[in-house]
Amino acid sequence: MIVEKKHLDGFTLLNVEGVIKLGESAQFFAQTLERTLSDDRGHVIIDFSKINFIDSTGIGELVGYLGRFRSSKRDLILVNPSDRIRKLLHVARLDDLFPTYDSVQAAIAAER
């Protein structure tokens, strides 16, 4: 798994590539979110356009960090998740918890 971090207009953008599943990739994803929570400010946009797969462990990390970010009055915003990930979030009734957009620009415009 590869994560590239950028700062855009008061937001932190995490471009994530690969898979997020039980094991090293989920642990790396969690560590990235932890560092972003402690080191950066503002809302966090996670670009899912290059995520091939996410399992329940990855979803669990997202949900766990959602609460921690919200406690800091920050959002975790999802951008361009695949249809499979959207369906997974819907089935788990999590789709209403995460603001979701089709592009980074749309997310920034809507969340200002």
PDB file of N, CA and C in Angstrom:
ATOM      1  N   MET A   1       0.837  -1.175   0.000  1.00  0.00           N
ATOM      2  CA  MET A   1       0.000   0.000   0.000  1.00  0.00           C
ATOM      3  C   MET A   1       0.882   1.238   0.000  1.00  0.00           C
ATOM      4  N   ILE A   2       0.457   2.226  -0.771  1.00  0.00           N
ATOM      5  CA  ILE A   2       1.193   3.484  -0.892  1.00  0.00           C
ATOM      6  C   ILE A   2       0.254   4.613  -0.488  1.00  0.00           C
ATOM      7  N   VAL A   3       0.758   5.552   0.308  1.00  0.00           N
ATOM      8  CA  VAL A   3      -0.024   6.730   0.685  1.00  0.00           C
ATOM      9  C   VAL A   3       0.820   7.964   0.400  1.00  0.00           C
ATOM     10  N   GLU A   4       0.232   8.887  -0.335  1.00  0.00           N
ATOM     11  CA  GLU A   4       0.872  10.179  -0.599  1.00  0.00           C
ATOM     12  C   GLU A   4       0.029  11.244   0.088  1.00  0.00           C
ATOM     13  N   LYS A   5       0.668  12.090   0.900  1.00  0.00           N
ATOM     14  CA  LYS A   5      -0.034  13.135   1.632  1.00  0.00           C
ATOM     15  C   LYS A   5       0.258  14.492   1.007  1.00  0.00           C
ATOM     16  N   LYS A   6      -0.815  15.285   0.820  1.00  0.00           N
ATOM     17  CA  LYS A   6      -0.699  16.653   0.301  1.00  0.00           C
ATOM     18  C   LYS A   6      -1.575  17.564   1.150  1.00  0.00           C
ATOM     19  N   HIS A   7      -1.232  18.832   1.145  1.00  0.00           N
ATOM     20  CA  HIS A   7      -2.053  19.832   1.817  1.00  0.00           C
ATOM     21  C   HIS A   7      -2.650  20.743   0.753  1.00  0.00           C
ATOM     22  N   LEU A   8      -3.996  20.855   0.754  1.00  0.00           N
ATOM     23  CA  LEU A   8      -4.719  21.633  -0.237  1.00  0.00           C
ATOM     24  C   LEU A   8      -5.749  22.528   0.436  1.00  0.00           C
ATOM     25  N   ASP A   9      -5.588  23.823   0.335  1.00  0.00           N
ATOM     26  CA  ASP A   9      -6.615  24.766   0.787  1.00  0.00           C
ATOM     27  C   ASP A   9      -7.159  24.463   2.171  1.00  0.00           C
ATOM     28  N   GLY A  10      -6.303  24.138   3.120  1.00  0.00           N
ATOM     29  CA  GLY A  10      -6.747  23.865   4.480  1.00  0.00           C
ATOM     30  C   GLY A  10      -7.199  22.434   4.732  1.00  0.00           C
ATOM     31  N   PHE A  11      -7.109  21.592   3.728  1.00  0.00           N
ATOM     32  CA  PHE A  11      -7.456  20.181   3.848  1.00  0.00           C
ATOM     33  C   PHE A  11      -6.183  19.348   3.743  1.00  0.00           C
ATOM     34  N   THR A  12      -6.205  18.165   4.325  1.00  0.00           N
ATOM     35  CA  THR A  12      -5.146  17.184   4.105  1.00  0.00           C
ATOM     36  C   THR A  12      -5.708  16.140   3.161  1.00  0.00           C
ATOM     37  N   LEU A  13      -4.996  15.888   2.075  1.00  0.00           N
ATOM     38  CA  LEU A  13      -5.410  14.903   1.087  1.00  0.00           C
ATOM     39  C   LEU A  13      -4.506  13.691   1.198  1.00  0.00           C
ATOM     40  N   LEU A  14      -5.117  12.523   1.382  1.00  0.00           N
ATOM     41  CA  LEU A  14      -4.383  11.264   1.395  1.00  0.00           C
ATOM     42  C   LEU A  14      -4.745  10.496   0.125  1.00  0.00           C
ATOM     43  N   ASN A  15      -3.790  10.380  -0.788  1.00  0.00           N
ATOM     44  CA  ASN A  15      -3.965   9.557  -1.979  1.00  0.00           C
ATOM     45  C   ASN A  15      -3.494   8.153  -1.617  1.00  0.00           C
ATOM     46  N   VAL A  16      -4.426   7.223  -1.559  1.00  0.00           N
ATOM     47  CA  VAL A  16      -4.137   5.868  -1.110  1.00  0.00           C
ATOM     48  C   VAL A  16      -4.206   4.933  -2.316  1.00  0.00           C
ATOM     49  N   GLU A  17      -3.213   4.040  -2.417  1.00  0.00           N
ATOM     50  CA  GLU A  17      -3.154   3.118  -3.550  1.00  0.00           C
ATOM     51  C   GLU A  17      -2.895   1.698  -3.056  1.00  0.00           C
ATOM     52  N   GLY A  18      -3.609   0.725  -3.626  1.00  0.00           N
ATOM     53  CA  GLY A  18      -3.385  -0.675  -3.291  1.00  0.00           C
ATOM     54  C   GLY A  18      -4.580  -1.301  -2.614  1.00  0.00           C
ATOM     55  N   VAL A  19      -4.314  -2.100  -1.590  1.00  0.00           N
ATOM     56  CA  VAL A  19      -5.365  -2.782  -0.841  1.00  0.00           C
ATOM     57  C   VAL A  19      -5.263  -2.415   0.638  1.00  0.00           C
ATOM     58  N   ILE A  20      -6.400  -2.446   1.310  1.00  0.00           N
ATOM     59  CA  ILE A  20      -6.440  -2.236   2.760  1.00  0.00           C
ATOM     60  C   ILE A  20      -7.130  -3.460   3.338  1.00  0.00           C
ATOM     61  N   LYS A  21      -6.334  -4.341   3.940  1.00  0.00           N
ATOM     62  CA  LYS A  21      -6.897  -5.575   4.491  1.00  0.00           C
ATOM     63  C   LYS A  21      -6.129  -5.971   5.741  1.00  0.00           C
ATOM     64  N   LEU A  22      -6.665  -6.971   6.433  1.00  0.00           N
ATOM     65  CA  LEU A  22      -6.060  -7.466   7.659  1.00  0.00           C
ATOM     66  C   LEU A  22      -4.570  -7.691   7.454  1.00  0.00           C
ATOM     67  N   GLY A  23      -3.770  -7.178   8.370  1.00  0.00           N
ATOM     68  CA  GLY A  23      -2.322  -7.355   8.278  1.00  0.00           C
ATOM     69  C   GLY A  23      -1.621  -6.022   8.143  1.00  0.00           C
ATOM     70  N   GLU A  24      -0.496  -6.046   7.444  1.00  0.00           N
ATOM     71  CA  GLU A  24       0.359  -4.871   7.350  1.00  0.00           C
ATOM     72  C   GLU A  24      -0.317  -3.675   6.709  1.00  0.00           C
ATOM     73  N   SER A  25      -1.120  -3.899   5.668  1.00  0.00           N
ATOM     74  CA  SER A  25      -1.715  -2.750   4.978  1.00  0.00           C
ATOM     75  C   SER A  25      -2.713  -2.022   5.886  1.00  0.00           C
ATOM     76  N   ALA A  26      -3.531  -2.736   6.629  1.00  0.00           N
ATOM     77  CA  ALA A  26      -4.472  -2.094   7.549  1.00  0.00           C
ATOM     78  C   ALA A  26      -3.722  -1.384   8.668  1.00  0.00           C
ATOM     79  N   GLN A  27      -2.654  -1.990   9.140  1.00  0.00           N
ATOM     80  CA  GLN A  27      -1.845  -1.373  10.191  1.00  0.00           C
ATOM     81  C   GLN A  27      -1.189  -0.087   9.672  1.00  0.00           C
ATOM     82  N   PHE A  28      -0.666  -0.138   8.449  1.00  0.00           N
ATOM     83  CA  PHE A  28      -0.055   1.047   7.835  1.00  0.00           C
ATOM     84  C   PHE A  28      -1.098   2.150   7.642  1.00  0.00           C
ATOM     85  N   PHE A  29      -2.292   1.774   7.187  1.00  0.00           N
ATOM     86  CA  PHE A  29      -3.380   2.719   7.005  1.00  0.00           C
ATOM     87  C   PHE A  29      -3.731   3.384   8.335  1.00  0.00           C
ATOM     88  N   ALA A  30      -3.847   2.589   9.397  1.00  0.00           N
ATOM     89  CA  ALA A  30      -4.150   3.124  10.727  1.00  0.00           C
ATOM     90  C   ALA A  30      -3.049   4.064  11.210  1.00  0.00           C
ATOM     91  N   GLN A  31      -1.800   3.707  10.997  1.00  0.00           N
ATOM     92  CA  GLN A  31      -0.684   4.564  11.401  1.00  0.00           C
ATOM     93  C   GLN A  31      -0.708   5.890  10.640  1.00  0.00           C
ATOM     94  N   THR A  32      -1.073   5.822   9.355  1.00  0.00           N
ATOM     95  CA  THR A  32      -1.175   7.038   8.546  1.00  0.00           C
ATOM     96  C   THR A  32      -2.276   7.943   9.092  1.00  0.00           C
ATOM     97  N   LEU A  33      -3.427   7.367   9.414  1.00  0.00           N
ATOM     98  CA  LEU A  33      -4.515   8.159   9.975  1.00  0.00           C
ATOM     99  C   LEU A  33      -4.130   8.739  11.332  1.00  0.00           C
ATOM    100  N   GLU A  34      -3.438   7.965  12.140  1.00  0.00           N
ATOM    101  CA  GLU A  34      -2.993   8.441  13.454  1.00  0.00           C
ATOM    102  C   GLU A  34      -2.044   9.636  13.312  1.00  0.00           C
ATOM    103  N   ARG A  35      -1.070   9.521  12.398  1.00  0.00           N
ATOM    104  CA  ARG A  35      -0.138  10.636  12.173  1.00  0.00           C
ATOM    105  C   ARG A  35      -0.868  11.863  11.638  1.00  0.00           C
ATOM    106  N   THR A  36      -1.816  11.643  10.761  1.00  0.00           N
ATOM    107  CA  THR A  36      -2.584  12.758  10.203  1.00  0.00           C
ATOM    108  C   THR A  36      -3.405  13.429  11.290  1.00  0.00           C
ATOM    109  N   LEU A  37      -3.982  12.649  12.166  1.00  0.00           N
ATOM    110  CA  LEU A  37      -4.764  13.185  13.282  1.00  0.00           C
ATOM    111  C   LEU A  37      -3.900  14.038  14.193  1.00  0.00           C
ATOM    112  N   SER A  38      -2.705  13.585  14.491  1.00  0.00           N
ATOM    113  CA  SER A  38      -1.849  14.309  15.437  1.00  0.00           C
ATOM    114  C   SER A  38      -1.025  15.419  14.793  1.00  0.00           C
ATOM    115  N   ASP A  39      -0.636  15.274  13.531  1.00  0.00           N
ATOM    116  CA  ASP A  39       0.294  16.218  12.912  1.00  0.00           C
ATOM    117  C   ASP A  39      -0.360  17.293  12.059  1.00  0.00           C
ATOM    118  N   ASP A  40      -1.546  17.045  11.531  1.00  0.00           N
ATOM    119  CA  ASP A  40      -2.163  17.962  10.582  1.00  0.00           C
ATOM    120  C   ASP A  40      -3.426  18.576  11.171  1.00  0.00           C
ATOM    121  N   ARG A  41      -3.925  19.590  10.501  1.00  0.00           N
ATOM    122  CA  ARG A  41      -5.147  20.274  10.927  1.00  0.00           C
ATOM    123  C   ARG A  41      -6.168  20.223   9.794  1.00  0.00           C
ATOM    124  N   GLY A  42      -7.407  20.504  10.123  1.00  0.00           N
ATOM    125  CA  GLY A  42      -8.454  20.566   9.110  1.00  0.00           C
ATOM    126  C   GLY A  42      -9.009  19.195   8.769  1.00  0.00           C
ATOM    127  N   HIS A  43      -9.982  19.209   7.870  1.00  0.00           N
ATOM    128  CA  HIS A  43     -10.613  17.977   7.423  1.00  0.00           C
ATOM    129  C   HIS A  43      -9.639  17.155   6.582  1.00  0.00           C
ATOM    130  N   VAL A  44      -9.886  15.857   6.525  1.00  0.00           N
ATOM    131  CA  VAL A  44      -9.020  14.943   5.782  1.00  0.00           C
ATOM    132  C   VAL A  44      -9.827  14.304   4.656  1.00  0.00           C
ATOM    133  N   ILE A  45      -9.286  14.412   3.454  1.00  0.00           N
ATOM    134  CA  ILE A  45      -9.891  13.808   2.279  1.00  0.00           C
ATOM    135  C   ILE A  45      -9.077  12.571   1.938  1.00  0.00           C
ATOM    136  N   ILE A  46      -9.757  11.438   1.825  1.00  0.00           N
ATOM    137  CA  ILE A  46      -9.085  10.191   1.441  1.00  0.00           C
ATOM    138  C   ILE A  46      -9.535   9.840   0.035  1.00  0.00           C
ATOM    139  N   ASP A  47      -8.590   9.870  -0.900  1.00  0.00           N
ATOM    140  CA  ASP A  47      -8.893   9.546  -2.294  1.00  0.00           C
ATOM    141  C   ASP A  47      -8.788   8.038  -2.477  1.00  0.00           C
ATOM    142  N   PHE A  48      -9.922   7.412  -2.730  1.00  0.00           N
ATOM    143  CA  PHE A  48     -10.010   5.964  -2.876  1.00  0.00           C
ATOM    144  C   PHE A  48      -9.927   5.500  -4.330  1.00  0.00           C
ATOM    145  N   SER A  49      -9.628   6.381  -5.262  1.00  0.00           N
ATOM    146  CA  SER A  49      -9.685   6.018  -6.682  1.00  0.00           C
ATOM    147  C   SER A  49      -8.709   4.905  -7.058  1.00  0.00           C
ATOM    148  N   LYS A  50      -7.652   4.711  -6.271  1.00  0.00           N
ATOM    149  CA  LYS A  50      -6.666   3.667  -6.585  1.00  0.00           C
ATOM    150  C   LYS A  50      -6.666   2.533  -5.560  1.00  0.00           C
ATOM    151  N   ILE A  51      -7.764   2.416  -4.798  1.00  0.00           N
ATOM    152  CA  ILE A  51      -7.895   1.307  -3.853  1.00  0.00           C
ATOM    153  C   ILE A  51      -8.526   0.137  -4.582  1.00  0.00           C
ATOM    154  N   ASN A  52      -7.824  -0.952  -4.638  1.00  0.00           N
ATOM    155  CA  ASN A  52      -8.314  -2.144  -5.317  1.00  0.00           C
ATOM    156  C   ASN A  52      -9.251  -2.961  -4.441  1.00  0.00           C
ATOM    157  N   PHE A  53      -9.038  -2.917  -3.113  1.00  0.00           N
ATOM    158  CA  PHE A  53      -9.790  -3.785  -2.208  1.00  0.00           C
ATOM    159  C   PHE A  53      -9.688  -3.229  -0.802  1.00  0.00           C
ATOM    160  N   ILE A  54     -10.793  -3.313  -0.067  1.00  0.00           N
ATOM    161  CA  ILE A  54     -10.780  -2.990   1.362  1.00  0.00           C
ATOM    162  C   ILE A  54     -11.642  -4.044   2.053  1.00  0.00           C
ATOM    163  N   ASP A  55     -11.143  -4.608   3.147  1.00  0.00           N
ATOM    164  CA  ASP A  55     -11.921  -5.612   3.877  1.00  0.00           C
ATOM    165  C   ASP A  55     -12.500  -4.995   5.142  1.00  0.00           C
ATOM    166  N   SER A  56     -13.104  -5.826   5.953  1.00  0.00           N
ATOM    167  CA  SER A  56     -13.760  -5.334   7.163  1.00  0.00           C
ATOM    168  C   SER A  56     -12.770  -4.697   8.138  1.00  0.00           C
ATOM    169  N   THR A  57     -11.534  -5.150   8.119  1.00  0.00           N
ATOM    170  CA  THR A  57     -10.518  -4.541   8.984  1.00  0.00           C
ATOM    171  C   THR A  57     -10.263  -3.101   8.558  1.00  0.00           C
ATOM    172  N   GLY A  58     -10.141  -2.886   7.256  1.00  0.00           N
ATOM    173  CA  GLY A  58      -9.943  -1.525   6.741  1.00  0.00           C
ATOM    174  C   GLY A  58     -11.135  -0.633   7.035  1.00  0.00           C
ATOM    175  N   ILE A  59     -12.346  -1.175   6.858  1.00  0.00           N
ATOM    176  CA  ILE A  59     -13.559  -0.418   7.177  1.00  0.00           C
ATOM    177  C   ILE A  59     -13.588  -0.100   8.669  1.00  0.00           C
ATOM    178  N   GLY A  60     -13.183  -1.064   9.485  1.00  0.00           N
ATOM    179  CA  GLY A  60     -13.130  -0.846  10.928  1.00  0.00           C
ATOM    180  C   GLY A  60     -12.180   0.278  11.308  1.00  0.00           C
ATOM    181  N   GLU A  61     -11.033   0.342  10.644  1.00  0.00           N
ATOM    182  CA  GLU A  61     -10.080   1.438  10.902  1.00  0.00           C
ATOM    183  C   GLU A  61     -10.711   2.778  10.531  1.00  0.00           C
ATOM    184  N   LEU A  62     -11.394   2.823   9.396  1.00  0.00           N
ATOM    185  CA  LEU A  62     -12.062   4.063   8.976  1.00  0.00           C
ATOM    186  C   LEU A  62     -13.074   4.518  10.023  1.00  0.00           C
ATOM    187  N   VAL A  63     -13.914   3.605  10.458  1.00  0.00           N
ATOM    188  CA  VAL A  63     -14.959   3.943  11.425  1.00  0.00           C
ATOM    189  C   VAL A  63     -14.341   4.372  12.758  1.00  0.00           C
ATOM    190  N   GLY A  64     -13.327   3.644  13.198  1.00  0.00           N
ATOM    191  CA  GLY A  64     -12.664   3.997  14.448  1.00  0.00           C
ATOM    192  C   GLY A  64     -12.051   5.389  14.412  1.00  0.00           C
ATOM    193  N   TYR A  65     -11.400   5.707  13.319  1.00  0.00           N
ATOM    194  CA  TYR A  65     -10.775   7.027  13.211  1.00  0.00           C
ATOM    195  C   TYR A  65     -11.799   8.119  12.940  1.00  0.00           C
ATOM    196  N   LEU A  66     -12.927   7.772  12.337  1.00  0.00           N
ATOM    197  CA  LEU A  66     -13.984   8.762  12.128  1.00  0.00           C
ATOM    198  C   LEU A  66     -14.381   9.389  13.465  1.00  0.00           C
ATOM    199  N   GLY A  67     -14.581   8.556  14.471  1.00  0.00           N
ATOM    200  CA  GLY A  67     -14.935   9.059  15.796  1.00  0.00           C
ATOM    201  C   GLY A  67     -13.857   9.934  16.386  1.00  0.00           C
ATOM    202  N   ARG A  68     -12.630   9.541  16.202  1.00  0.00           N
ATOM    203  CA  ARG A  68     -11.511  10.317  16.765  1.00  0.00           C
ATOM    204  C   ARG A  68     -11.363  11.659  16.054  1.00  0.00           C
ATOM    205  N   PHE A  69     -11.539  11.660  14.727  1.00  0.00           N
ATOM    206  CA  PHE A  69     -11.466  12.921  13.991  1.00  0.00           C
ATOM    207  C   PHE A  69     -12.622  13.827  14.379  1.00  0.00           C
ATOM    208  N   ARG A  70     -13.816  13.262  14.498  1.00  0.00           N
ATOM    209  CA  ARG A  70     -14.978  14.077  14.867  1.00  0.00           C
ATOM    210  C   ARG A  70     -14.840  14.661  16.267  1.00  0.00           C
ATOM    211  N   SER A  71     -14.180  13.937  17.160  1.00  0.00           N
ATOM    212  CA  SER A  71     -13.923  14.477  18.500  1.00  0.00           C
ATOM    213  C   SER A  71     -13.045  15.722  18.431  1.00  0.00           C
ATOM    214  N   SER A  72     -12.250  15.805  17.371  1.00  0.00           N
ATOM    215  CA  SER A  72     -11.392  16.973  17.143  1.00  0.00           C
ATOM    216  C   SER A  72     -12.062  17.978  16.202  1.00  0.00           C
ATOM    217  N   LYS A  73     -13.373  17.796  15.968  1.00  0.00           N
ATOM    218  CA  LYS A  73     -14.156  18.654  15.076  1.00  0.00           C
ATOM    219  C   LYS A  73     -13.609  18.657  13.652  1.00  0.00           C
ATOM    220  N   ARG A  74     -13.218  17.460  13.205  1.00  0.00           N
ATOM    221  CA  ARG A  74     -12.693  17.274  11.852  1.00  0.00           C
ATOM    222  C   ARG A  74     -13.455  16.124  11.195  1.00  0.00           C
ATOM    223  N   ASP A  75     -13.511  16.156   9.878  1.00  0.00           N
ATOM    224  CA  ASP A  75     -14.193  15.091   9.139  1.00  0.00           C
ATOM    225  C   ASP A  75     -13.209  14.241   8.368  1.00  0.00           C
ATOM    226  N   LEU A  76     -13.591  12.995   8.142  1.00  0.00           N
ATOM    227  CA  LEU A  76     -12.939  12.116   7.176  1.00  0.00           C
ATOM    228  C   LEU A  76     -13.858  12.084   5.965  1.00  0.00           C
ATOM    229  N   ILE A  77     -13.365  12.545   4.846  1.00  0.00           N
ATOM    230  CA  ILE A  77     -14.156  12.680   3.628  1.00  0.00           C
ATOM    231  C   ILE A  77     -13.614  11.689   2.607  1.00  0.00           C
ATOM    232  N   LEU A  78     -14.500  10.906   2.022  1.00  0.00           N
ATOM    233  CA  LEU A  78     -14.098   9.913   1.035  1.00  0.00           C
ATOM    234  C   LEU A  78     -14.330  10.449  -0.370  1.00  0.00           C
ATOM    235  N   VAL A  79     -13.358  10.229  -1.235  1.00  0.00           N
ATOM    236  CA  VAL A  79     -13.452  10.675  -2.623  1.00  0.00           C
ATOM    237  C   VAL A  79     -13.269   9.480  -3.544  1.00  0.00           C
ATOM    238  N   ASN A  80     -14.184   9.375  -4.486  1.00  0.00           N
ATOM    239  CA  ASN A  80     -14.107   8.409  -5.576  1.00  0.00           C
ATOM    240  C   ASN A  80     -13.942   6.954  -5.140  1.00  0.00           C
ATOM    241  N   PRO A  81     -14.732   6.499  -4.149  1.00  0.00           N
ATOM    242  CA  PRO A  81     -14.671   5.062  -3.836  1.00  0.00           C
ATOM    243  C   PRO A  81     -15.307   4.264  -4.973  1.00  0.00           C
ATOM    244  N   SER A  82     -14.829   3.078  -5.191  1.00  0.00           N
ATOM    245  CA  SER A  82     -15.387   2.216  -6.239  1.00  0.00           C
ATOM    246  C   SER A  82     -16.826   1.853  -5.894  1.00  0.00           C
ATOM    247  N   ASP A  83     -17.547   1.348  -6.883  1.00  0.00           N
ATOM    248  CA  ASP A  83     -18.922   0.901  -6.637  1.00  0.00           C
ATOM    249  C   ASP A  83     -18.957  -0.172  -5.550  1.00  0.00           C
ATOM    250  N   ARG A  84     -17.963  -1.061  -5.546  1.00  0.00           N
ATOM    251  CA  ARG A  84     -17.899  -2.119  -4.543  1.00  0.00           C
ATOM    252  C   ARG A  84     -17.777  -1.537  -3.138  1.00  0.00           C
ATOM    253  N   ILE A  85     -16.907  -0.529  -2.980  1.00  0.00           N
ATOM    254  CA  ILE A  85     -16.721   0.093  -1.660  1.00  0.00           C
ATOM    255  C   ILE A  85     -17.977   0.857  -1.261  1.00  0.00           C
ATOM    256  N   ARG A  86     -18.606   1.542  -2.200  1.00  0.00           N
ATOM    257  CA  ARG A  86     -19.856   2.254  -1.907  1.00  0.00           C
ATOM    258  C   ARG A  86     -20.930   1.269  -1.433  1.00  0.00           C
ATOM    259  N   LYS A  87     -21.026   0.133  -2.111  1.00  0.00           N
ATOM    260  CA  LYS A  87     -22.016  -0.878  -1.730  1.00  0.00           C
ATOM    261  C   LYS A  87     -21.713  -1.451  -0.355  1.00  0.00           C
ATOM    262  N   LEU A  88     -20.430  -1.695  -0.089  1.00  0.00           N
ATOM    263  CA  LEU A  88     -20.020  -2.206   1.216  1.00  0.00           C
ATOM    264  C   LEU A  88     -20.394  -1.216   2.323  1.00  0.00           C
ATOM    265  N   LEU A  89     -20.138   0.060   2.103  1.00  0.00           N
ATOM    266  CA  LEU A  89     -20.505   1.078   3.085  1.00  0.00           C
ATOM    267  C   LEU A  89     -22.024   1.139   3.259  1.00  0.00           C
ATOM    268  N   HIS A  90     -22.748   0.994   2.154  1.00  0.00           N
ATOM    269  CA  HIS A  90     -24.211   1.038   2.218  1.00  0.00           C
ATOM    270  C   HIS A  90     -24.762  -0.154   3.004  1.00  0.00           C
ATOM    271  N   VAL A  91     -24.277  -1.351   2.698  1.00  0.00           N
ATOM    272  CA  VAL A  91     -24.754  -2.566   3.383  1.00  0.00           C
ATOM    273  C   VAL A  91     -24.467  -2.480   4.884  1.00  0.00           C
ATOM    274  N   ALA A  92     -23.315  -1.921   5.224  1.00  0.00           N
ATOM    275  CA  ALA A  92     -22.943  -1.781   6.636  1.00  0.00           C
ATOM    276  C   ALA A  92     -23.593  -0.547   7.284  1.00  0.00           C
ATOM    277  N   ARG A  93     -24.402   0.166   6.507  1.00  0.00           N
ATOM    278  CA  ARG A  93     -25.085   1.376   6.966  1.00  0.00           C
ATOM    279  C   ARG A  93     -24.115   2.446   7.454  1.00  0.00           C
ATOM    280  N   LEU A  94     -23.010   2.545   6.743  1.00  0.00           N
ATOM    281  CA  LEU A  94     -21.993   3.538   7.082  1.00  0.00           C
ATOM    282  C   LEU A  94     -21.937   4.667   6.066  1.00  0.00           C
ATOM    283  N   ASP A  95     -22.680   4.530   4.962  1.00  0.00           N
ATOM    284  CA  ASP A  95     -22.588   5.515   3.895  1.00  0.00           C
ATOM    285  C   ASP A  95     -23.061   6.906   4.324  1.00  0.00           C
ATOM    286  N   ASP A  96     -23.940   6.987   5.319  1.00  0.00           N
ATOM    287  CA  ASP A  96     -24.393   8.287   5.803  1.00  0.00           C
ATOM    288  C   ASP A  96     -23.393   8.935   6.767  1.00  0.00           C
ATOM    289  N   LEU A  97     -22.462   8.158   7.277  1.00  0.00           N
ATOM    290  CA  LEU A  97     -21.483   8.701   8.226  1.00  0.00           C
ATOM    291  C   LEU A  97     -20.350   9.452   7.554  1.00  0.00           C
ATOM    292  N   PHE A  98     -20.000   9.015   6.353  1.00  0.00           N
ATOM    293  CA  PHE A  98     -18.853   9.596   5.644  1.00  0.00           C
ATOM    294  C   PHE A  98     -19.323  10.489   4.503  1.00  0.00           C
ATOM    295  N   PRO A  99     -18.960  11.770   4.515  1.00  0.00           N
ATOM    296  CA  PRO A  99     -19.217  12.571   3.323  1.00  0.00           C
ATOM    297  C   PRO A  99     -18.445  11.945   2.158  1.00  0.00           C
ATOM    298  N   THR A 100     -19.110  11.748   1.025  1.00  0.00           N
ATOM    299  CA  THR A 100     -18.497  11.080  -0.121  1.00  0.00           C
ATOM    300  C   THR A 100     -18.730  11.900  -1.376  1.00  0.00           C
ATOM    301  N   TYR A 101     -17.660  12.093  -2.151  1.00  0.00           N
ATOM    302  CA  TYR A 101     -17.724  12.902  -3.367  1.00  0.00           C
ATOM    303  C   TYR A 101     -17.022  12.180  -4.506  1.00  0.00           C
ATOM    304  N   ASP A 102     -17.308  12.639  -5.720  1.00  0.00           N
ATOM    305  CA  ASP A 102     -16.716  12.034  -6.911  1.00  0.00           C
ATOM    306  C   ASP A 102     -15.357  12.613  -7.274  1.00  0.00           C
ATOM    307  N   SER A 103     -14.983  13.747  -6.677  1.00  0.00           N
ATOM    308  CA  SER A 103     -13.674  14.335  -6.972  1.00  0.00           C
ATOM    309  C   SER A 103     -13.183  15.135  -5.771  1.00  0.00           C
ATOM    310  N   VAL A 104     -11.887  15.358  -5.742  1.00  0.00           N
ATOM    311  CA  VAL A 104     -11.277  16.151  -4.672  1.00  0.00           C
ATOM    312  C   VAL A 104     -11.812  17.576  -4.732  1.00  0.00           C
ATOM    313  N   GLN A 105     -11.923  18.123  -5.939  1.00  0.00           N
ATOM    314  CA  GLN A 105     -12.417  19.500  -6.103  1.00  0.00           C
ATOM    315  C   GLN A 105     -13.849  19.643  -5.573  1.00  0.00           C
ATOM    316  N   ALA A 106     -14.697  18.648  -5.868  1.00  0.00           N
ATOM    317  CA  ALA A 106     -16.077  18.676  -5.360  1.00  0.00           C
ATOM    318  C   ALA A 106     -16.112  18.614  -3.838  1.00  0.00           C
ATOM    319  N   ALA A 107     -15.242  17.803  -3.254  1.00  0.00           N
ATOM    320  CA  ALA A 107     -15.177  17.688  -1.793  1.00  0.00           C
ATOM    321  C   ALA A 107     -14.760  19.009  -1.163  1.00  0.00           C
ATOM    322  N   ILE A 108     -13.736  19.624  -1.708  1.00  0.00           N
ATOM    323  CA  ILE A 108     -13.252  20.904  -1.145  1.00  0.00           C
ATOM    324  C   ILE A 108     -14.323  21.970  -1.275  1.00  0.00           C
ATOM    325  N   ALA A 109     -14.972  22.057  -2.433  1.00  0.00           N
ATOM    326  CA  ALA A 109     -16.016  23.058  -2.642  1.00  0.00           C
ATOM    327  C   ALA A 109     -17.187  22.851  -1.677  1.00  0.00           C
ATOM    328  N   ALA A 110     -17.595  21.620  -1.468  1.00  0.00           N
ATOM    329  CA  ALA A 110     -18.756  21.322  -0.630  1.00  0.00           C
ATOM    330  C   ALA A 110     -18.462  21.450   0.864  1.00  0.00           C
ATOM    331  N   GLU A 111     -17.251  21.186   1.272  1.00  0.00           N
ATOM    332  CA  GLU A 111     -16.915  21.131   2.699  1.00  0.00           C
ATOM    333  C   GLU A 111     -16.287  22.408   3.241  1.00  0.00           C
ATOM    334  N   ARG A 112     -16.237  23.439   2.474  1.00  0.00           N
ATOM    335  CA  ARG A 112     -15.693  24.724   2.950  1.00  0.00           C
ATOM    336  C   ARG A 112     -16.572  25.339   4.003  1.00  0.00           C
TER     337      ARG A 112
END
